[in-house]
Amino acid sequence: MKLAKIEPLLMALGGWVIKGMGSNVTFERDGILADFHRPHQAKAALRYRIKNTCKLLKKLGEII
């Protein structure tokens, strides 16, 4: 899965993507923050990024 598909998903759920320094981005919705690191050369989201996305979606009540 490409990280470029995760960001639009999070935004479609009503969140904001806040660009940080360098390749860091923070997703925010309802006061819940999640930090992500955009990959530099490889565009694929690594396993830990997908796990972090799932944890965030559970915290937001989007998935069980």
N, C-alpha and C. Protein backbone atom coordinates (compact mmCIF):
# COMPACT_ATOMS: atom_id res chain seq x y z
N MET A 1 0.85 -1.17 0.00
CA MET A 1 0.00 0.00 0.00
C MET A 1 0.89 1.24 0.00
N LYS A 2 0.51 2.20 -0.78
CA LYS A 2 1.29 3.43 -0.85
C LYS A 2 0.81 4.42 0.21
N LEU A 3 1.76 5.12 0.81
CA LEU A 3 1.42 6.12 1.82
C LEU A 3 0.54 7.20 1.22
N ALA A 4 0.68 7.45 -0.06
CA ALA A 4 -0.13 8.47 -0.73
C ALA A 4 -1.62 8.13 -0.70
N LYS A 5 -1.96 6.88 -0.42
CA LYS A 5 -3.37 6.49 -0.31
C LYS A 5 -3.88 6.62 1.12
N ILE A 6 -2.99 6.59 2.09
CA ILE A 6 -3.39 6.70 3.49
C ILE A 6 -3.81 8.13 3.83
N GLU A 7 -3.03 9.11 3.41
CA GLU A 7 -3.35 10.50 3.73
C GLU A 7 -4.73 10.92 3.24
N PRO A 8 -5.11 10.65 1.98
CA PRO A 8 -6.46 11.03 1.54
C PRO A 8 -7.56 10.31 2.32
N LEU A 9 -7.29 9.07 2.73
CA LEU A 9 -8.26 8.33 3.54
C LEU A 9 -8.50 9.06 4.85
N LEU A 10 -7.43 9.45 5.53
CA LEU A 10 -7.57 10.15 6.80
C LEU A 10 -8.26 11.49 6.64
N MET A 11 -7.97 12.17 5.56
CA MET A 11 -8.61 13.47 5.30
C MET A 11 -10.09 13.28 4.98
N ALA A 12 -10.42 12.21 4.27
CA ALA A 12 -11.82 11.95 3.93
C ALA A 12 -12.65 11.65 5.19
N LEU A 13 -11.98 11.22 6.25
CA LEU A 13 -12.66 10.93 7.51
C LEU A 13 -12.80 12.19 8.37
N GLY A 14 -12.46 13.34 7.80
CA GLY A 14 -12.68 14.59 8.51
C GLY A 14 -11.49 15.12 9.27
N GLY A 15 -10.33 14.61 8.99
CA GLY A 15 -9.13 15.06 9.69
C GLY A 15 -8.33 16.07 8.90
N TRP A 16 -7.31 16.55 9.53
CA TRP A 16 -6.40 17.52 8.92
C TRP A 16 -5.01 16.93 8.89
N VAL A 17 -4.29 17.18 7.82
CA VAL A 17 -2.88 16.80 7.75
C VAL A 17 -2.07 18.07 7.91
N ILE A 18 -1.23 18.08 8.93
CA ILE A 18 -0.39 19.24 9.24
C ILE A 18 1.03 18.88 8.85
N LYS A 19 1.59 19.62 7.93
CA LYS A 19 2.96 19.34 7.49
C LYS A 19 3.93 19.84 8.55
N GLY A 20 4.87 18.97 8.89
CA GLY A 20 5.88 19.33 9.88
C GLY A 20 7.21 19.60 9.19
N MET A 21 8.25 19.52 9.96
CA MET A 21 9.60 19.73 9.42
C MET A 21 10.01 18.51 8.59
N GLY A 22 10.61 18.76 7.47
CA GLY A 22 11.10 17.68 6.62
C GLY A 22 9.97 16.81 6.11
N SER A 23 10.08 15.52 6.36
CA SER A 23 9.08 14.59 5.83
C SER A 23 8.06 14.16 6.90
N ASN A 24 8.03 14.87 8.01
CA ASN A 24 7.06 14.55 9.07
C ASN A 24 5.72 15.22 8.80
N VAL A 25 4.66 14.47 9.03
CA VAL A 25 3.30 15.02 8.94
C VAL A 25 2.53 14.54 10.17
N THR A 26 1.58 15.36 10.60
CA THR A 26 0.73 15.01 11.73
C THR A 26 -0.70 15.04 11.25
N PHE A 27 -1.44 14.00 11.60
CA PHE A 27 -2.87 13.93 11.30
C PHE A 27 -3.60 14.30 12.58
N GLU A 28 -4.63 15.16 12.45
CA GLU A 28 -5.40 15.59 13.61
C GLU A 28 -6.88 15.52 13.33
N ARG A 29 -7.61 14.96 14.28
CA ARG A 29 -9.08 14.98 14.24
C ARG A 29 -9.59 14.86 15.66
N ASP A 30 -10.48 15.74 16.01
CA ASP A 30 -11.11 15.73 17.33
C ASP A 30 -10.08 15.75 18.46
N GLY A 31 -8.99 16.46 18.25
CA GLY A 31 -7.96 16.58 19.27
C GLY A 31 -7.03 15.38 19.37
N ILE A 32 -7.24 14.37 18.54
CA ILE A 32 -6.38 13.19 18.53
C ILE A 32 -5.32 13.41 17.45
N LEU A 33 -4.06 13.27 17.85
CA LEU A 33 -2.95 13.49 16.93
C LEU A 33 -2.23 12.18 16.65
N ALA A 34 -1.74 12.05 15.43
CA ALA A 34 -0.91 10.90 15.05
C ALA A 34 0.18 11.42 14.12
N ASP A 35 1.41 11.08 14.44
CA ASP A 35 2.54 11.51 13.64
C ASP A 35 2.94 10.43 12.65
N PHE A 36 3.23 10.86 11.45
CA PHE A 36 3.68 9.96 10.40
C PHE A 36 4.93 10.53 9.75
N HIS A 37 5.71 9.65 9.18
CA HIS A 37 6.93 10.04 8.47
C HIS A 37 6.77 9.58 7.03
N ARG A 38 6.80 10.52 6.11
CA ARG A 38 6.69 10.16 4.70
C ARG A 38 8.00 9.54 4.24
N PRO A 39 7.92 8.43 3.52
CA PRO A 39 9.15 7.81 3.03
C PRO A 39 9.81 8.69 1.97
N HIS A 40 11.12 8.66 1.94
CA HIS A 40 11.85 9.52 1.01
C HIS A 40 11.84 8.95 -0.41
N GLN A 41 12.38 7.78 -0.58
CA GLN A 41 12.48 7.24 -1.94
C GLN A 41 11.43 6.16 -2.19
N ALA A 42 11.28 5.26 -1.24
CA ALA A 42 10.27 4.21 -1.40
C ALA A 42 8.90 4.82 -1.11
N LYS A 43 7.95 4.56 -1.96
CA LYS A 43 6.63 5.15 -1.78
C LYS A 43 5.69 4.23 -1.01
N ALA A 44 6.14 3.01 -0.76
CA ALA A 44 5.29 2.05 -0.06
C ALA A 44 5.26 2.37 1.43
N ALA A 45 4.11 2.21 2.02
CA ALA A 45 3.97 2.37 3.46
C ALA A 45 4.46 1.09 4.13
N LEU A 46 5.38 1.22 5.02
CA LEU A 46 5.90 0.05 5.71
C LEU A 46 4.87 -0.49 6.69
N ARG A 47 5.10 -1.71 7.12
CA ARG A 47 4.14 -2.40 7.99
C ARG A 47 3.78 -1.57 9.22
N TYR A 48 4.78 -0.95 9.86
CA TYR A 48 4.50 -0.19 11.07
C TYR A 48 3.61 1.02 10.78
N ARG A 49 3.72 1.61 9.59
CA ARG A 49 2.85 2.74 9.26
C ARG A 49 1.40 2.29 9.10
N ILE A 50 1.22 1.13 8.51
CA ILE A 50 -0.14 0.59 8.34
C ILE A 50 -0.72 0.23 9.71
N LYS A 51 0.10 -0.37 10.58
CA LYS A 51 -0.36 -0.69 11.93
C LYS A 51 -0.74 0.58 12.69
N ASN A 52 0.09 1.62 12.57
CA ASN A 52 -0.22 2.89 13.24
C ASN A 52 -1.50 3.50 12.71
N THR A 53 -1.74 3.35 11.41
CA THR A 53 -2.98 3.87 10.82
C THR A 53 -4.18 3.11 11.38
N CYS A 54 -4.06 1.79 11.50
CA CYS A 54 -5.15 0.98 12.06
C CYS A 54 -5.42 1.36 13.51
N LYS A 55 -4.37 1.57 14.30
CA LYS A 55 -4.54 1.99 15.69
C LYS A 55 -5.26 3.33 15.77
N LEU A 56 -4.89 4.24 14.89
CA LEU A 56 -5.53 5.55 14.86
C LEU A 56 -7.00 5.43 14.50
N LEU A 57 -7.32 4.62 13.50
CA LEU A 57 -8.71 4.45 13.09
C LEU A 57 -9.54 3.82 14.20
N LYS A 58 -8.96 2.91 14.97
CA LYS A 58 -9.66 2.32 16.11
C LYS A 58 -9.89 3.38 17.19
N LYS A 59 -8.88 4.19 17.44
CA LYS A 59 -9.00 5.24 18.46
C LYS A 59 -10.08 6.25 18.09
N LEU A 60 -10.21 6.51 16.80
CA LEU A 60 -11.23 7.46 16.32
C LEU A 60 -12.61 6.81 16.23
N GLY A 61 -12.69 5.49 16.42
CA GLY A 61 -13.97 4.79 16.35
C GLY A 61 -14.43 4.50 14.93
N GLU A 62 -13.51 4.55 13.97
CA GLU A 62 -13.84 4.29 12.58
C GLU A 62 -13.85 2.80 12.25
N ILE A 63 -13.07 2.02 12.98
CA ILE A 63 -13.07 0.56 12.82
C ILE A 63 -13.08 -0.07 14.21
N ILE A 64 -13.46 -1.32 14.24
CA ILE A 64 -13.52 -2.04 15.53
C ILE A 64 -12.30 -2.91 15.70
